[in-house]
């Protein structure tokens, strides 16, 4: 825990990061830059007998492409979006893409 002005902030002890001014989109971009080939997501689609494996670079690419698609549909900063979906990687991609464009 740290203090900045009149605010208490949490400092990520393991990495020395202060998360106060970093968005979740920024964190993904930083990880993709720092560890592009490190495995980020592994998901087994048991009904399809498929396994999805993405490193941080691929994860970032998926999220950025989805963010561009959302913008093309007119979903941009300040737009509210409701998501009703099971826990799948696509849900994570959508959450991060919405965060990157400032929608929520």
N, C-alpha and C. Protein backbone atom coordinates (compact mmCIF):
# COMPACT_ATOMS: atom_id res chain seq x y z
N UNK A 1 0.85 -1.17 0.00
CA UNK A 1 0.00 0.00 0.00
C UNK A 1 0.89 1.23 0.00
N UNK A 2 0.49 2.22 -0.75
CA UNK A 2 1.24 3.46 -0.80
C UNK A 2 0.30 4.65 -0.72
N UNK A 3 0.85 5.81 -0.54
CA UNK A 3 0.05 7.03 -0.45
C UNK A 3 0.50 7.97 -1.56
N UNK A 4 -0.45 8.49 -2.31
CA UNK A 4 -0.19 9.51 -3.31
C UNK A 4 -1.18 10.64 -3.06
N UNK A 5 -0.65 11.78 -2.63
CA UNK A 5 -1.54 12.89 -2.27
C UNK A 5 -2.44 12.47 -1.13
N UNK A 6 -3.74 12.55 -1.35
CA UNK A 6 -4.69 12.15 -0.31
C UNK A 6 -5.32 10.78 -0.59
N UNK A 7 -4.72 10.01 -1.53
CA UNK A 7 -5.28 8.70 -1.89
C UNK A 7 -4.33 7.58 -1.49
N UNK A 8 -4.92 6.51 -0.98
CA UNK A 8 -4.15 5.30 -0.70
C UNK A 8 -4.18 4.46 -1.96
N UNK A 9 -3.05 3.98 -2.40
CA UNK A 9 -3.00 3.14 -3.59
C UNK A 9 -2.31 1.83 -3.26
N UNK A 10 -2.69 0.80 -4.01
CA UNK A 10 -2.07 -0.51 -3.84
C UNK A 10 -0.92 -0.62 -4.80
N UNK A 11 0.20 -1.10 -4.34
CA UNK A 11 1.36 -1.31 -5.20
C UNK A 11 1.57 -2.80 -5.36
N UNK A 12 1.68 -3.23 -6.61
CA UNK A 12 1.90 -4.65 -6.88
C UNK A 12 3.32 -5.00 -6.43
N UNK A 13 3.41 -5.61 -5.28
CA UNK A 13 4.70 -5.88 -4.67
C UNK A 13 5.62 -6.70 -5.57
N UNK A 14 5.06 -7.69 -6.23
CA UNK A 14 5.90 -8.59 -7.02
C UNK A 14 6.53 -7.91 -8.23
N UNK A 15 5.89 -6.89 -8.75
CA UNK A 15 6.38 -6.27 -9.98
C UNK A 15 6.76 -4.82 -9.81
N UNK A 16 6.51 -4.23 -8.64
CA UNK A 16 6.81 -2.83 -8.43
C UNK A 16 5.91 -1.91 -9.23
N UNK A 17 4.73 -2.38 -9.61
CA UNK A 17 3.80 -1.57 -10.39
C UNK A 17 2.87 -0.79 -9.48
N UNK A 18 2.57 0.43 -9.86
CA UNK A 18 1.50 1.17 -9.21
C UNK A 18 0.34 1.15 -10.18
N UNK A 19 -0.76 0.58 -9.75
CA UNK A 19 -1.89 0.35 -10.66
C UNK A 19 -2.86 1.52 -10.71
N UNK A 20 -2.60 2.57 -10.02
CA UNK A 20 -3.52 3.69 -9.95
C UNK A 20 -3.77 4.32 -11.31
N UNK A 21 -2.74 4.47 -12.13
CA UNK A 21 -2.87 5.17 -13.40
C UNK A 21 -2.80 4.23 -14.61
N UNK A 22 -2.92 2.93 -14.39
CA UNK A 22 -2.81 1.96 -15.47
C UNK A 22 -4.18 1.33 -15.70
N UNK A 23 -4.61 1.29 -16.96
CA UNK A 23 -5.87 0.62 -17.28
C UNK A 23 -5.61 -0.85 -17.55
N UNK A 24 -6.65 -1.64 -17.57
CA UNK A 24 -6.50 -3.07 -17.85
C UNK A 24 -5.99 -3.27 -19.28
N UNK A 25 -6.39 -2.39 -20.20
CA UNK A 25 -5.86 -2.45 -21.56
C UNK A 25 -4.37 -2.18 -21.60
N UNK A 26 -3.94 -1.20 -20.78
CA UNK A 26 -2.50 -0.90 -20.68
C UNK A 26 -1.73 -2.11 -20.16
N UNK A 27 -2.29 -2.80 -19.18
CA UNK A 27 -1.62 -3.98 -18.61
C UNK A 27 -1.43 -5.06 -19.66
N UNK A 28 -2.47 -5.29 -20.47
CA UNK A 28 -2.35 -6.29 -21.54
C UNK A 28 -1.26 -5.87 -22.52
N UNK A 29 -1.26 -4.59 -22.92
CA UNK A 29 -0.25 -4.10 -23.86
C UNK A 29 1.15 -4.24 -23.28
N UNK A 30 1.31 -3.95 -22.00
CA UNK A 30 2.62 -4.07 -21.35
C UNK A 30 3.09 -5.53 -21.34
N UNK A 31 2.18 -6.43 -21.01
CA UNK A 31 2.55 -7.85 -20.97
C UNK A 31 2.89 -8.34 -22.37
N UNK A 32 2.14 -7.90 -23.37
CA UNK A 32 2.41 -8.31 -24.75
C UNK A 32 3.77 -7.79 -25.22
N UNK A 33 4.14 -6.63 -24.75
CA UNK A 33 5.45 -6.07 -25.12
C UNK A 33 6.58 -6.77 -24.36
N UNK A 34 6.35 -7.01 -23.07
CA UNK A 34 7.38 -7.58 -22.22
C UNK A 34 7.56 -9.09 -22.44
N UNK A 35 6.44 -9.81 -22.59
CA UNK A 35 6.49 -11.27 -22.69
C UNK A 35 5.63 -11.75 -23.86
N UNK A 36 5.93 -11.35 -25.09
CA UNK A 36 5.04 -11.65 -26.22
C UNK A 36 4.79 -13.14 -26.46
N UNK A 37 5.76 -13.97 -26.17
CA UNK A 37 5.62 -15.39 -26.46
C UNK A 37 5.19 -16.23 -25.26
N UNK A 38 4.99 -15.59 -24.12
CA UNK A 38 4.55 -16.33 -22.92
C UNK A 38 3.07 -16.68 -23.06
N UNK A 39 2.73 -17.89 -22.69
CA UNK A 39 1.36 -18.35 -22.77
C UNK A 39 0.47 -17.53 -21.83
N UNK A 40 -0.63 -17.01 -22.37
CA UNK A 40 -1.52 -16.14 -21.60
C UNK A 40 -2.87 -16.80 -21.33
N UNK A 41 -3.39 -17.52 -22.29
CA UNK A 41 -4.71 -18.14 -22.16
C UNK A 41 -4.65 -19.57 -22.67
N UNK A 42 -5.21 -20.47 -21.88
CA UNK A 42 -5.40 -21.86 -22.31
C UNK A 42 -6.83 -22.22 -21.95
N UNK A 43 -7.57 -22.67 -22.94
CA UNK A 43 -8.97 -23.03 -22.69
C UNK A 43 -9.32 -24.27 -23.52
N UNK A 44 -9.98 -25.22 -22.88
CA UNK A 44 -10.40 -26.44 -23.56
C UNK A 44 -11.90 -26.36 -23.86
N UNK A 45 -12.22 -26.37 -25.15
CA UNK A 45 -13.61 -26.45 -25.59
C UNK A 45 -13.94 -27.94 -25.66
N UNK A 46 -14.39 -28.50 -24.55
CA UNK A 46 -14.57 -29.95 -24.47
C UNK A 46 -15.59 -30.47 -25.48
N UNK A 47 -16.67 -29.70 -25.72
CA UNK A 47 -17.69 -30.16 -26.65
C UNK A 47 -17.18 -30.21 -28.10
N UNK A 48 -16.14 -29.42 -28.39
CA UNK A 48 -15.56 -29.40 -29.74
C UNK A 48 -14.25 -30.19 -29.82
N UNK A 49 -13.78 -30.64 -28.67
CA UNK A 49 -12.50 -31.34 -28.57
C UNK A 49 -11.36 -30.48 -29.14
N UNK A 50 -11.39 -29.19 -28.78
CA UNK A 50 -10.37 -28.24 -29.20
C UNK A 50 -9.75 -27.58 -27.98
N UNK A 51 -8.49 -27.20 -28.11
CA UNK A 51 -7.82 -26.45 -27.05
C UNK A 51 -7.31 -25.15 -27.66
N UNK A 52 -7.69 -24.05 -27.04
CA UNK A 52 -7.21 -22.73 -27.46
C UNK A 52 -6.00 -22.38 -26.61
N UNK A 53 -4.91 -22.02 -27.25
CA UNK A 53 -3.69 -21.59 -26.57
C UNK A 53 -3.25 -20.30 -27.22
N UNK A 54 -3.17 -19.24 -26.44
CA UNK A 54 -2.73 -17.95 -26.96
C UNK A 54 -1.61 -17.39 -26.11
N UNK A 55 -0.58 -16.88 -26.77
CA UNK A 55 0.43 -16.15 -26.02
C UNK A 55 -0.03 -14.69 -25.91
N UNK A 56 0.73 -13.87 -25.19
CA UNK A 56 0.29 -12.50 -24.96
C UNK A 56 0.17 -11.69 -26.25
N UNK A 57 1.05 -11.93 -27.22
CA UNK A 57 0.97 -11.21 -28.49
C UNK A 57 -0.34 -11.56 -29.21
N UNK A 58 -0.68 -12.84 -29.26
CA UNK A 58 -1.90 -13.28 -29.92
C UNK A 58 -3.14 -12.78 -29.17
N UNK A 59 -3.07 -12.80 -27.86
CA UNK A 59 -4.16 -12.31 -27.01
C UNK A 59 -4.40 -10.83 -27.30
N UNK A 60 -3.34 -10.05 -27.34
CA UNK A 60 -3.45 -8.62 -27.62
C UNK A 60 -4.03 -8.39 -29.03
N UNK A 61 -3.60 -9.17 -29.99
CA UNK A 61 -4.11 -9.04 -31.36
C UNK A 61 -5.61 -9.31 -31.41
N UNK A 62 -6.06 -10.37 -30.73
CA UNK A 62 -7.49 -10.68 -30.69
C UNK A 62 -8.30 -9.54 -30.08
N UNK A 63 -7.82 -9.02 -28.96
CA UNK A 63 -8.52 -7.93 -28.27
C UNK A 63 -8.54 -6.67 -29.13
N UNK A 64 -7.42 -6.33 -29.76
CA UNK A 64 -7.36 -5.13 -30.59
C UNK A 64 -8.26 -5.25 -31.81
N UNK A 65 -8.31 -6.42 -32.44
CA UNK A 65 -9.19 -6.62 -33.59
C UNK A 65 -10.66 -6.48 -33.17
N UNK A 66 -11.00 -7.04 -32.04
CA UNK A 66 -12.37 -6.93 -31.55
C UNK A 66 -12.71 -5.48 -31.21
N UNK A 67 -11.78 -4.76 -30.60
CA UNK A 67 -12.01 -3.34 -30.28
C UNK A 67 -12.27 -2.54 -31.56
N UNK A 68 -11.50 -2.80 -32.61
CA UNK A 68 -11.71 -2.12 -33.89
C UNK A 68 -13.08 -2.45 -34.47
N UNK A 69 -13.48 -3.70 -34.34
CA UNK A 69 -14.80 -4.11 -34.82
C UNK A 69 -15.92 -3.43 -34.06
N UNK A 70 -15.77 -3.31 -32.75
CA UNK A 70 -16.77 -2.62 -31.93
C UNK A 70 -16.88 -1.16 -32.34
N UNK A 71 -15.73 -0.52 -32.55
CA UNK A 71 -15.73 0.88 -33.00
C UNK A 71 -16.42 1.02 -34.34
N UNK A 72 -16.19 0.07 -35.24
CA UNK A 72 -16.83 0.10 -36.56
C UNK A 72 -18.35 -0.04 -36.46
N UNK A 73 -18.80 -0.70 -35.40
CA UNK A 73 -20.25 -0.85 -35.17
C UNK A 73 -20.86 0.36 -34.46
N UNK A 74 -20.02 1.32 -34.11
CA UNK A 74 -20.51 2.52 -33.43
C UNK A 74 -20.48 2.42 -31.92
N UNK A 75 -19.87 1.38 -31.40
CA UNK A 75 -19.73 1.23 -29.95
C UNK A 75 -18.41 1.89 -29.57
N UNK A 76 -18.50 3.01 -28.87
CA UNK A 76 -17.27 3.71 -28.49
C UNK A 76 -17.37 4.22 -27.07
N UNK A 77 -16.49 5.13 -26.72
CA UNK A 77 -16.37 5.60 -25.34
C UNK A 77 -17.71 6.05 -24.79
N UNK A 78 -18.00 5.55 -23.59
CA UNK A 78 -19.21 5.93 -22.88
C UNK A 78 -20.43 5.09 -23.17
N UNK A 79 -20.38 4.25 -24.19
CA UNK A 79 -21.51 3.39 -24.52
C UNK A 79 -21.56 2.24 -23.51
N UNK A 80 -22.75 1.94 -23.02
CA UNK A 80 -22.93 0.83 -22.08
C UNK A 80 -23.32 -0.42 -22.85
N UNK A 81 -22.65 -1.52 -22.52
CA UNK A 81 -22.89 -2.79 -23.20
C UNK A 81 -23.15 -3.85 -22.14
N UNK A 82 -24.22 -4.60 -22.32
CA UNK A 82 -24.52 -5.73 -21.42
C UNK A 82 -24.05 -7.01 -22.10
N UNK A 83 -23.45 -7.87 -21.31
CA UNK A 83 -22.96 -9.15 -21.84
C UNK A 83 -23.60 -10.27 -21.04
N UNK A 84 -24.20 -11.19 -21.73
CA UNK A 84 -24.76 -12.38 -21.10
C UNK A 84 -24.11 -13.56 -21.81
N UNK A 85 -23.16 -14.17 -21.17
CA UNK A 85 -22.42 -15.24 -21.82
C UNK A 85 -21.81 -16.16 -20.77
N UNK A 86 -21.56 -17.41 -21.15
CA UNK A 86 -20.84 -18.30 -20.24
C UNK A 86 -19.37 -17.89 -20.17
N UNK A 87 -18.67 -18.47 -19.24
CA UNK A 87 -17.24 -18.17 -19.08
C UNK A 87 -16.45 -18.84 -20.19
N UNK A 88 -16.19 -18.06 -21.22
CA UNK A 88 -15.41 -18.49 -22.36
C UNK A 88 -14.35 -17.44 -22.65
N UNK A 89 -13.28 -17.80 -23.34
CA UNK A 89 -12.26 -16.80 -23.68
C UNK A 89 -12.84 -15.60 -24.44
N UNK A 90 -13.85 -15.84 -25.27
CA UNK A 90 -14.45 -14.75 -26.03
C UNK A 90 -15.03 -13.67 -25.11
N UNK A 91 -15.51 -14.08 -23.95
CA UNK A 91 -16.03 -13.12 -22.97
C UNK A 91 -14.89 -12.24 -22.46
N UNK A 92 -13.75 -12.83 -22.22
CA UNK A 92 -12.58 -12.07 -21.76
C UNK A 92 -12.12 -11.10 -22.84
N UNK A 93 -12.09 -11.57 -24.09
CA UNK A 93 -11.70 -10.69 -25.20
C UNK A 93 -12.63 -9.48 -25.27
N UNK A 94 -13.94 -9.74 -25.15
CA UNK A 94 -14.92 -8.66 -25.24
C UNK A 94 -14.78 -7.68 -24.08
N UNK A 95 -14.59 -8.18 -22.88
CA UNK A 95 -14.40 -7.30 -21.72
C UNK A 95 -13.21 -6.37 -21.92
N UNK A 96 -12.10 -6.93 -22.34
CA UNK A 96 -10.90 -6.11 -22.55
C UNK A 96 -11.05 -5.15 -23.72
N UNK A 97 -11.68 -5.60 -24.81
CA UNK A 97 -11.89 -4.72 -25.97
C UNK A 97 -12.78 -3.53 -25.57
N UNK A 98 -13.84 -3.80 -24.82
CA UNK A 98 -14.71 -2.72 -24.35
C UNK A 98 -13.94 -1.75 -23.46
N UNK A 99 -13.11 -2.28 -22.59
CA UNK A 99 -12.32 -1.44 -21.71
C UNK A 99 -11.33 -0.57 -22.51
N UNK A 100 -10.73 -1.15 -23.54
CA UNK A 100 -9.76 -0.41 -24.34
C UNK A 100 -10.40 0.78 -25.06
N UNK A 101 -11.65 0.65 -25.47
CA UNK A 101 -12.30 1.75 -26.20
C UNK A 101 -13.09 2.66 -25.27
N UNK A 102 -13.11 2.33 -24.00
CA UNK A 102 -13.79 3.18 -23.03
C UNK A 102 -15.27 2.93 -22.89
N UNK A 103 -15.75 1.83 -23.47
CA UNK A 103 -17.15 1.44 -23.29
C UNK A 103 -17.25 0.54 -22.07
N UNK A 104 -18.43 0.28 -21.63
CA UNK A 104 -18.52 -0.59 -20.47
C UNK A 104 -19.83 -1.22 -20.28
